[in-house]
Amino acid sequence: MKTYYNDPAADPTTRALELVREVAAYLRANPPAGLESVSTYANGNINALNIFYAGDRPPQWGKGLWPHRLAIEPTQDIGLGKHIAITR
C-alpha cells in the first residue's frame, strides 16, 4: 500500500489527500476506543491529528509521501460527530 502513496511519478498532494480520506473511512468503519473523548472545536473538527508512516521516501524532494501540511475540503467525517479538517 505504501508503494502506491509513495510513487514518485504521482502528484504527492493528491496521494496525501487519498491517504487522509482512507484513514477517515477506516476510522468511520472501526471507531477506536475513546474516540468520543477526543478534543474537538464546537463544529466537531478534531483539534489535531497526525498521520505517521514508516520507511523511506523517494530521493527527489517533494515526491511521494513527505512530511507537510495540506488542506482538505470538505472535512472528513470519522463518526461520533468528529471530523478531520486539514488546513494549511
PDB file of N, CA and C in Angstrom:
ATOM      1  N   MET A   1       0.817  -1.183   0.000  1.00  0.00           N
ATOM      2  CA  MET A   1       0.000   0.000   0.000  1.00  0.00           C
ATOM      3  C   MET A   1       0.873   1.264   0.000  1.00  0.00           C
ATOM      4  N   LYS A   2       1.948   1.296   0.794  1.00  0.00           N
ATOM      5  CA  LYS A   2       2.780   2.485   0.824  1.00  0.00           C
ATOM      6  C   LYS A   2       3.401   2.755  -0.539  1.00  0.00           C
ATOM      7  N   THR A   3       3.702   1.711  -1.287  1.00  0.00           N
ATOM      8  CA  THR A   3       4.270   1.889  -2.615  1.00  0.00           C
ATOM      9  C   THR A   3       3.349   2.752  -3.470  1.00  0.00           C
ATOM     10  N   TYR A   4       2.050   2.541  -3.363  1.00  0.00           N
ATOM     11  CA  TYR A   4       1.081   3.333  -4.126  1.00  0.00           C
ATOM     12  C   TYR A   4       1.178   4.809  -3.746  1.00  0.00           C
ATOM     13  N   TYR A   5       1.146   5.110  -2.445  1.00  0.00           N
ATOM     14  CA  TYR A   5       1.186   6.504  -1.990  1.00  0.00           C
ATOM     15  C   TYR A   5       2.546   7.139  -2.176  1.00  0.00           C
ATOM     16  N   ASN A   6       3.590   6.342  -2.214  1.00  0.00           N
ATOM     17  CA  ASN A   6       4.950   6.850  -2.276  1.00  0.00           C
ATOM     18  C   ASN A   6       5.499   6.890  -3.698  1.00  0.00           C
ATOM     19  N   ASP A   7       4.653   6.733  -4.694  1.00  0.00           N
ATOM     20  CA  ASP A   7       5.064   6.715  -6.095  1.00  0.00           C
ATOM     21  C   ASP A   7       5.600   8.087  -6.498  1.00  0.00           C
ATOM     22  N   PRO A   8       6.894   8.199  -6.833  1.00  0.00           N
ATOM     23  CA  PRO A   8       7.458   9.499  -7.183  1.00  0.00           C
ATOM     24  C   PRO A   8       6.889  10.081  -8.482  1.00  0.00           C
ATOM     25  N   ALA A   9       6.232   9.261  -9.298  1.00  0.00           N
ATOM     26  CA  ALA A   9       5.650   9.752 -10.544  1.00  0.00           C
ATOM     27  C   ALA A   9       4.273  10.378 -10.326  1.00  0.00           C
ATOM     28  N   ALA A  10       3.662  10.120  -9.177  1.00  0.00           N
ATOM     29  CA  ALA A  10       2.316  10.630  -8.901  1.00  0.00           C
ATOM     30  C   ALA A  10       2.387  11.977  -8.191  1.00  0.00           C
ATOM     31  N   ASP A  11       1.319  12.744  -8.297  1.00  0.00           N
ATOM     32  CA  ASP A  11       1.240  14.026  -7.592  1.00  0.00           C
ATOM     33  C   ASP A  11       1.178  13.758  -6.086  1.00  0.00           C
ATOM     34  N   PRO A  12       2.153  14.265  -5.306  1.00  0.00           N
ATOM     35  CA  PRO A  12       2.191  13.937  -3.880  1.00  0.00           C
ATOM     36  C   PRO A  12       1.002  14.481  -3.092  1.00  0.00           C
ATOM     37  N   THR A  13       0.489  15.640  -3.468  1.00  0.00           N
ATOM     38  CA  THR A  13      -0.655  16.197  -2.750  1.00  0.00           C
ATOM     39  C   THR A  13      -1.890  15.338  -2.969  1.00  0.00           C
ATOM     40  N   THR A  14      -2.113  14.907  -4.202  1.00  0.00           N
ATOM     41  CA  THR A  14      -3.257  14.043  -4.496  1.00  0.00           C
ATOM     42  C   THR A  14      -3.174  12.758  -3.686  1.00  0.00           C
ATOM     43  N   ARG A  15      -1.995  12.149  -3.655  1.00  0.00           N
ATOM     44  CA  ARG A  15      -1.842  10.893  -2.917  1.00  0.00           C
ATOM     45  C   ARG A  15      -1.992  11.118  -1.414  1.00  0.00           C
ATOM     46  N   ALA A  16      -1.480  12.230  -0.884  1.00  0.00           N
ATOM     47  CA  ALA A  16      -1.638  12.513   0.544  1.00  0.00           C
ATOM     48  C   ALA A  16      -3.109  12.689   0.898  1.00  0.00           C
ATOM     49  N   LEU A  17      -3.864  13.380   0.048  1.00  0.00           N
ATOM     50  CA  LEU A  17      -5.305  13.544   0.291  1.00  0.00           C
ATOM     51  C   LEU A  17      -6.019  12.202   0.246  1.00  0.00           C
ATOM     52  N   GLU A  18      -5.643  11.344  -0.681  1.00  0.00           N
ATOM     53  CA  GLU A  18      -6.230   9.999  -0.745  1.00  0.00           C
ATOM     54  C   GLU A  18      -5.964   9.243   0.553  1.00  0.00           C
ATOM     55  N   LEU A  19      -4.748   9.349   1.057  1.00  0.00           N
ATOM     56  CA  LEU A  19      -4.393   8.654   2.284  1.00  0.00           C
ATOM     57  C   LEU A  19      -5.243   9.154   3.452  1.00  0.00           C
ATOM     58  N   VAL A  20      -5.412  10.462   3.570  1.00  0.00           N
ATOM     59  CA  VAL A  20      -6.227  11.023   4.654  1.00  0.00           C
ATOM     60  C   VAL A  20      -7.673  10.548   4.527  1.00  0.00           C
ATOM     61  N   ARG A  21      -8.192  10.529   3.315  1.00  0.00           N
ATOM     62  CA  ARG A  21      -9.570  10.058   3.125  1.00  0.00           C
ATOM     63  C   ARG A  21      -9.702   8.578   3.494  1.00  0.00           C
ATOM     64  N   GLU A  22      -8.688   7.782   3.178  1.00  0.00           N
ATOM     65  CA  GLU A  22      -8.730   6.370   3.556  1.00  0.00           C
ATOM     66  C   GLU A  22      -8.649   6.199   5.073  1.00  0.00           C
ATOM     67  N   VAL A  23      -7.846   7.016   5.727  1.00  0.00           N
ATOM     68  CA  VAL A  23      -7.775   6.978   7.191  1.00  0.00           C
ATOM     69  C   VAL A  23      -9.140   7.327   7.775  1.00  0.00           C
ATOM     70  N   ALA A  24      -9.789   8.362   7.248  1.00  0.00           N
ATOM     71  CA  ALA A  24     -11.117   8.754   7.736  1.00  0.00           C
ATOM     72  C   ALA A  24     -12.123   7.623   7.534  1.00  0.00           C
ATOM     73  N   ALA A  25     -12.098   6.987   6.380  1.00  0.00           N
ATOM     74  CA  ALA A  25     -13.019   5.878   6.110  1.00  0.00           C
ATOM     75  C   ALA A  25     -12.760   4.724   7.075  1.00  0.00           C
ATOM     76  N   TYR A  26     -11.494   4.444   7.339  1.00  0.00           N
ATOM     77  CA  TYR A  26     -11.157   3.368   8.270  1.00  0.00           C
ATOM     78  C   TYR A  26     -11.674   3.693   9.669  1.00  0.00           C
ATOM     79  N   LEU A  27     -11.465   4.937  10.118  1.00  0.00           N
ATOM     80  CA  LEU A  27     -11.923   5.325  11.451  1.00  0.00           C
ATOM     81  C   LEU A  27     -13.452   5.289  11.555  1.00  0.00           C
ATOM     82  N   ARG A  28     -14.140   5.652  10.476  1.00  0.00           N
ATOM     83  CA  ARG A  28     -15.610   5.564  10.478  1.00  0.00           C
ATOM     84  C   ARG A  28     -16.062   4.120  10.647  1.00  0.00           C
ATOM     85  N   ALA A  29     -15.411   3.209   9.945  1.00  0.00           N
ATOM     86  CA  ALA A  29     -15.789   1.796   9.977  1.00  0.00           C
ATOM     87  C   ALA A  29     -15.293   1.093  11.241  1.00  0.00           C
ATOM     88  N   ASN A  30     -14.223   1.598  11.841  1.00  0.00           N
ATOM     89  CA  ASN A  30     -13.597   0.963  13.007  1.00  0.00           C
ATOM     90  C   ASN A  30     -13.280   2.015  14.069  1.00  0.00           C
ATOM     91  N   PRO A  31     -14.317   2.622  14.670  1.00  0.00           N
ATOM     92  CA  PRO A  31     -14.032   3.689  15.638  1.00  0.00           C
ATOM     93  C   PRO A  31     -13.187   3.182  16.803  1.00  0.00           C
ATOM     94  N   PRO A  32     -12.076   3.842  17.070  1.00  0.00           N
ATOM     95  CA  PRO A  32     -11.218   3.389  18.165  1.00  0.00           C
ATOM     96  C   PRO A  32     -11.844   3.700  19.522  1.00  0.00           C
ATOM     97  N   ALA A  33     -11.493   2.911  20.517  1.00  0.00           N
ATOM     98  CA  ALA A  33     -11.961   3.182  21.874  1.00  0.00           C
ATOM     99  C   ALA A  33     -11.497   4.574  22.282  1.00  0.00           C
ATOM    100  N   GLY A  34     -12.364   5.330  22.888  1.00  0.00           N
ATOM    101  CA  GLY A  34     -12.016   6.660  23.355  1.00  0.00           C
ATOM    102  C   GLY A  34     -12.256   7.768  22.351  1.00  0.00           C
ATOM    103  N   LEU A  35     -12.729   7.431  21.141  1.00  0.00           N
ATOM    104  CA  LEU A  35     -12.947   8.464  20.134  1.00  0.00           C
ATOM    105  C   LEU A  35     -13.912   9.534  20.635  1.00  0.00           C
ATOM    106  N   GLU A  36     -14.893   9.129  21.424  1.00  0.00           N
ATOM    107  CA  GLU A  36     -15.881  10.102  21.894  1.00  0.00           C
ATOM    108  C   GLU A  36     -15.260  11.170  22.788  1.00  0.00           C
ATOM    109  N   SER A  37     -14.108  10.909  23.373  1.00  0.00           N
ATOM    110  CA  SER A  37     -13.487  11.891  24.257  1.00  0.00           C
ATOM    111  C   SER A  37     -12.379  12.699  23.576  1.00  0.00           C
ATOM    112  N   VAL A  38     -12.178  12.502  22.268  1.00  0.00           N
ATOM    113  CA  VAL A  38     -11.174  13.276  21.537  1.00  0.00           C
ATOM    114  C   VAL A  38     -11.594  14.746  21.535  1.00  0.00           C
ATOM    115  N   SER A  39     -10.657  15.624  21.794  1.00  0.00           N
ATOM    116  CA  SER A  39     -10.923  17.058  21.879  1.00  0.00           C
ATOM    117  C   SER A  39     -11.247  17.635  20.497  1.00  0.00           C
ATOM    118  N   THR A  40     -12.370  18.364  20.423  1.00  0.00           N
ATOM    119  CA  THR A  40     -12.792  18.981  19.166  1.00  0.00           C
ATOM    120  C   THR A  40     -13.183  20.430  19.401  1.00  0.00           C
ATOM    121  N   TYR A  41     -13.247  21.171  18.300  1.00  0.00           N
ATOM    122  CA  TYR A  41     -13.826  22.509  18.330  1.00  0.00           C
ATOM    123  C   TYR A  41     -15.343  22.367  18.353  1.00  0.00           C
ATOM    124  N   ALA A  42     -16.061  23.456  18.523  1.00  0.00           N
ATOM    125  CA  ALA A  42     -17.528  23.428  18.597  1.00  0.00           C
ATOM    126  C   ALA A  42     -18.161  22.803  17.355  1.00  0.00           C
ATOM    127  N   ASN A  43     -17.500  22.939  16.199  1.00  0.00           N
ATOM    128  CA  ASN A  43     -18.060  22.394  14.956  1.00  0.00           C
ATOM    129  C   ASN A  43     -17.760  20.907  14.767  1.00  0.00           C
ATOM    130  N   GLY A  44     -17.080  20.280  15.726  1.00  0.00           N
ATOM    131  CA  GLY A  44     -16.774  18.855  15.635  1.00  0.00           C
ATOM    132  C   GLY A  44     -15.427  18.548  15.021  1.00  0.00           C
ATOM    133  N   ASN A  45     -14.716  19.552  14.533  1.00  0.00           N
ATOM    134  CA  ASN A  45     -13.395  19.315  13.948  1.00  0.00           C
ATOM    135  C   ASN A  45     -12.394  18.970  15.045  1.00  0.00           C
ATOM    136  N   ILE A  46     -11.649  17.895  14.836  1.00  0.00           N
ATOM    137  CA  ILE A  46     -10.637  17.472  15.797  1.00  0.00           C
ATOM    138  C   ILE A  46      -9.547  18.538  15.868  1.00  0.00           C
ATOM    139  N   ASN A  47      -9.097  18.840  17.091  1.00  0.00           N
ATOM    140  CA  ASN A  47      -8.094  19.886  17.284  1.00  0.00           C
ATOM    141  C   ASN A  47      -6.782  19.581  16.569  1.00  0.00           C
ATOM    142  N   ALA A  48      -6.337  18.335  16.609  1.00  0.00           N
ATOM    143  CA  ALA A  48      -5.079  17.979  15.957  1.00  0.00           C
ATOM    144  C   ALA A  48      -5.084  16.492  15.626  1.00  0.00           C
ATOM    145  N   LEU A  49      -4.496  16.151  14.502  1.00  0.00           N
ATOM    146  CA  LEU A  49      -4.373  14.745  14.094  1.00  0.00           C
ATOM    147  C   LEU A  49      -3.072  14.604  13.315  1.00  0.00           C
ATOM    148  N   ASN A  50      -2.269  13.654  13.710  1.00  0.00           N
ATOM    149  CA  ASN A  50      -1.037  13.352  12.989  1.00  0.00           C
ATOM    150  C   ASN A  50      -1.161  11.973  12.375  1.00  0.00           C
ATOM    151  N   ILE A  51      -0.717  11.843  11.152  1.00  0.00           N
ATOM    152  CA  ILE A  51      -0.666  10.549  10.483  1.00  0.00           C
ATOM    153  C   ILE A  51       0.805  10.261  10.222  1.00  0.00           C
ATOM    154  N   PHE A  52       1.291   9.179  10.806  1.00  0.00           N
ATOM    155  CA  PHE A  52       2.691   8.808  10.660  1.00  0.00           C
ATOM    156  C   PHE A  52       2.820   7.606   9.733  1.00  0.00           C
ATOM    157  N   TYR A  53       3.899   7.551   9.016  1.00  0.00           N
ATOM    158  CA  TYR A  53       4.195   6.392   8.180  1.00  0.00           C
ATOM    159  C   TYR A  53       5.657   6.031   8.392  1.00  0.00           C
ATOM    160  N   ALA A  54       5.970   4.784   8.173  1.00  0.00           N
ATOM    161  CA  ALA A  54       7.337   4.309   8.387  1.00  0.00           C
ATOM    162  C   ALA A  54       8.017   4.054   7.053  1.00  0.00           C
ATOM    163  N   GLY A  55       9.314   4.167   7.057  1.00  0.00           N
ATOM    164  CA  GLY A  55      10.081   3.824   5.869  1.00  0.00           C
ATOM    165  C   GLY A  55      10.644   5.021   5.148  1.00  0.00           C
ATOM    166  N   ASP A  56      11.283   4.731   4.052  1.00  0.00           N
ATOM    167  CA  ASP A  56      11.946   5.757   3.264  1.00  0.00           C
ATOM    168  C   ASP A  56      10.973   6.443   2.331  1.00  0.00           C
ATOM    169  N   ARG A  57      11.421   7.563   1.800  1.00  0.00           N
ATOM    170  CA  ARG A  57      10.684   8.263   0.758  1.00  0.00           C
ATOM    171  C   ARG A  57      11.574   8.333  -0.468  1.00  0.00           C
ATOM    172  N   PRO A  58      11.002   8.665  -1.626  1.00  0.00           N
ATOM    173  CA  PRO A  58      11.849   8.790  -2.816  1.00  0.00           C
ATOM    174  C   PRO A  58      12.934   9.842  -2.591  1.00  0.00           C
ATOM    175  N   PRO A  59      14.079   9.722  -3.261  1.00  0.00           N
ATOM    176  CA  PRO A  59      15.172  10.660  -3.041  1.00  0.00           C
ATOM    177  C   PRO A  59      14.912  12.074  -3.577  1.00  0.00           C
ATOM    178  N   GLN A  60      13.934  12.228  -4.468  1.00  0.00           N
ATOM    179  CA  GLN A  60      13.655  13.549  -5.011  1.00  0.00           C
ATOM    180  C   GLN A  60      12.821  14.354  -4.008  1.00  0.00           C
ATOM    181  N   TRP A  61      13.185  15.628  -3.800  1.00  0.00           N
ATOM    182  CA  TRP A  61      12.446  16.475  -2.879  1.00  0.00           C
ATOM    183  C   TRP A  61      11.021  16.659  -3.383  1.00  0.00           C
ATOM    184  N   GLY A  62      10.065  16.569  -2.468  1.00  0.00           N
ATOM    185  CA  GLY A  62       8.674  16.819  -2.802  1.00  0.00           C
ATOM    186  C   GLY A  62       7.999  15.721  -3.599  1.00  0.00           C
ATOM    187  N   LYS A  63       8.574  14.544  -3.629  1.00  0.00           N
ATOM    188  CA  LYS A  63       7.986  13.418  -4.361  1.00  0.00           C
ATOM    189  C   LYS A  63       7.533  12.360  -3.371  1.00  0.00           C
ATOM    190  N   GLY A  64       6.468  11.640  -3.716  1.00  0.00           N
ATOM    191  CA  GLY A  64       5.967  10.588  -2.831  1.00  0.00           C
ATOM    192  C   GLY A  64       5.441  11.166  -1.526  1.00  0.00           C
ATOM    193  N   LEU A  65       5.396  10.339  -0.480  1.00  0.00           N
ATOM    194  CA  LEU A  65       4.968  10.805   0.829  1.00  0.00           C
ATOM    195  C   LEU A  65       6.096  11.598   1.464  1.00  0.00           C
ATOM    196  N   TRP A  66       5.781  12.762   1.955  1.00  0.00           N
ATOM    197  CA  TRP A  66       6.774  13.567   2.643  1.00  0.00           C
ATOM    198  C   TRP A  66       6.047  14.427   3.673  1.00  0.00           C
ATOM    199  N   PRO A  67       6.706  14.719   4.774  1.00  0.00           N
ATOM    200  CA  PRO A  67       6.047  15.467   5.852  1.00  0.00           C
ATOM    201  C   PRO A  67       5.668  16.875   5.409  1.00  0.00           C
ATOM    202  N   HIS A  68       4.404  17.187   5.506  1.00  0.00           N
ATOM    203  CA  HIS A  68       3.936  18.532   5.187  1.00  0.00           C
ATOM    204  C   HIS A  68       2.512  18.701   5.672  1.00  0.00           C
ATOM    205  N   ARG A  69       2.036  19.925   5.618  1.00  0.00           N
ATOM    206  CA  ARG A  69       0.641  20.229   5.922  1.00  0.00           C
ATOM    207  C   ARG A  69      -0.066  20.478   4.610  1.00  0.00           C
ATOM    208  N   LEU A  70      -1.366  20.187   4.591  1.00  0.00           N
ATOM    209  CA  LEU A  70      -2.138  20.442   3.386  1.00  0.00           C
ATOM    210  C   LEU A  70      -3.568  20.743   3.762  1.00  0.00           C
ATOM    211  N   ALA A  71      -4.345  21.159   2.800  1.00  0.00           N
ATOM    212  CA  ALA A  71      -5.755  21.477   3.032  1.00  0.00           C
ATOM    213  C   ALA A  71      -6.620  20.391   2.423  1.00  0.00           C
ATOM    214  N   ILE A  72      -7.707  20.066   3.100  1.00  0.00           N
ATOM    215  CA  ILE A  72      -8.653  19.086   2.569  1.00  0.00           C
ATOM    216  C   ILE A  72     -10.063  19.624   2.767  1.00  0.00           C
ATOM    217  N   GLU A  73     -10.795  19.645   1.721  1.00  0.00           N
ATOM    218  CA  GLU A  73     -12.196  20.066   1.755  1.00  0.00           C
ATOM    219  C   GLU A  73     -13.002  19.042   0.986  1.00  0.00           C
ATOM    220  N   PRO A  74     -14.154  18.676   1.374  1.00  0.00           N
ATOM    221  CA  PRO A  74     -14.753  19.069   2.649  1.00  0.00           C
ATOM    222  C   PRO A  74     -14.108  18.300   3.789  1.00  0.00           C
ATOM    223  N   THR A  75     -14.499  18.639   5.024  1.00  0.00           N
ATOM    224  CA  THR A  75     -13.976  17.897   6.163  1.00  0.00           C
ATOM    225  C   THR A  75     -14.375  16.429   6.016  1.00  0.00           C
ATOM    226  N   GLN A  76     -13.608  15.564   6.620  1.00  0.00           N
ATOM    227  CA  GLN A  76     -13.850  14.128   6.533  1.00  0.00           C
ATOM    228  C   GLN A  76     -14.473  13.638   7.836  1.00  0.00           C
ATOM    229  N   ASP A  77     -15.702  13.150   7.769  1.00  0.00           N
ATOM    230  CA  ASP A  77     -16.410  12.636   8.935  1.00  0.00           C
ATOM    231  C   ASP A  77     -15.800  11.309   9.352  1.00  0.00           C
ATOM    232  N   ILE A  78     -15.486  11.175  10.639  1.00  0.00           N
ATOM    233  CA  ILE A  78     -14.951   9.904  11.134  1.00  0.00           C
ATOM    234  C   ILE A  78     -15.887   9.266  12.158  1.00  0.00           C
ATOM    235  N   GLY A  79     -17.086   9.788  12.284  1.00  0.00           N
ATOM    236  CA  GLY A  79     -18.066   9.203  13.188  1.00  0.00           C
ATOM    237  C   GLY A  79     -18.114   9.887  14.538  1.00  0.00           C
ATOM    238  N   LEU A  80     -19.193   9.626  15.252  1.00  0.00           N
ATOM    239  CA  LEU A  80     -19.407  10.174  16.593  1.00  0.00           C
ATOM    240  C   LEU A  80     -19.305  11.697  16.616  1.00  0.00           C
ATOM    241  N   GLY A  81     -19.710  12.346  15.526  1.00  0.00           N
ATOM    242  CA  GLY A  81     -19.679  13.800  15.454  1.00  0.00           C
ATOM    243  C   GLY A  81     -18.289  14.386  15.321  1.00  0.00           C
ATOM    244  N   LYS A  82     -17.303  13.576  14.993  1.00  0.00           N
ATOM    245  CA  LYS A  82     -15.919  14.048  14.860  1.00  0.00           C
ATOM    246  C   LYS A  82     -15.573  14.168  13.374  1.00  0.00           C
ATOM    247  N   HIS A  83     -14.755  15.173  13.059  1.00  0.00           N
ATOM    248  CA  HIS A  83     -14.367  15.441  11.675  1.00  0.00           C
ATOM    249  C   HIS A  83     -12.878  15.727  11.594  1.00  0.00           C
ATOM    250  N   ILE A  84     -12.295  15.349  10.464  1.00  0.00           N
ATOM    251  CA  ILE A  84     -10.919  15.724  10.163  1.00  0.00           C
ATOM    252  C   ILE A  84     -11.002  16.906   9.206  1.00  0.00           C
ATOM    253  N   ALA A  85     -10.442  18.027   9.620  1.00  0.00           N
ATOM    254  CA  ALA A  85     -10.382  19.221   8.786  1.00  0.00           C
ATOM    255  C   ALA A  85      -8.936  19.651   8.722  1.00  0.00           C
ATOM    256  N   ILE A  86      -8.331  19.497   7.572  1.00  0.00           N
ATOM    257  CA  ILE A  86      -6.926  19.833   7.430  1.00  0.00           C
ATOM    258  C   ILE A  86      -6.815  21.169   6.724  1.00  0.00           C
ATOM    259  N   THR A  87      -6.050  22.055   7.314  1.00  0.00           N
ATOM    260  CA  THR A  87      -5.852  23.388   6.722  1.00  0.00           C
ATOM    261  C   THR A  87      -4.375  23.675   6.617  1.00  0.00           C
ATOM    262  N   ARG A  88      -4.056  24.604   5.764  1.00  0.00           N
ATOM    263  CA  ARG A  88      -2.656  24.998   5.579  1.00  0.00           C
ATOM    264  C   ARG A  88      -2.217  25.906   6.682  1.00  0.00           C
TER     265      ARG A  88
END
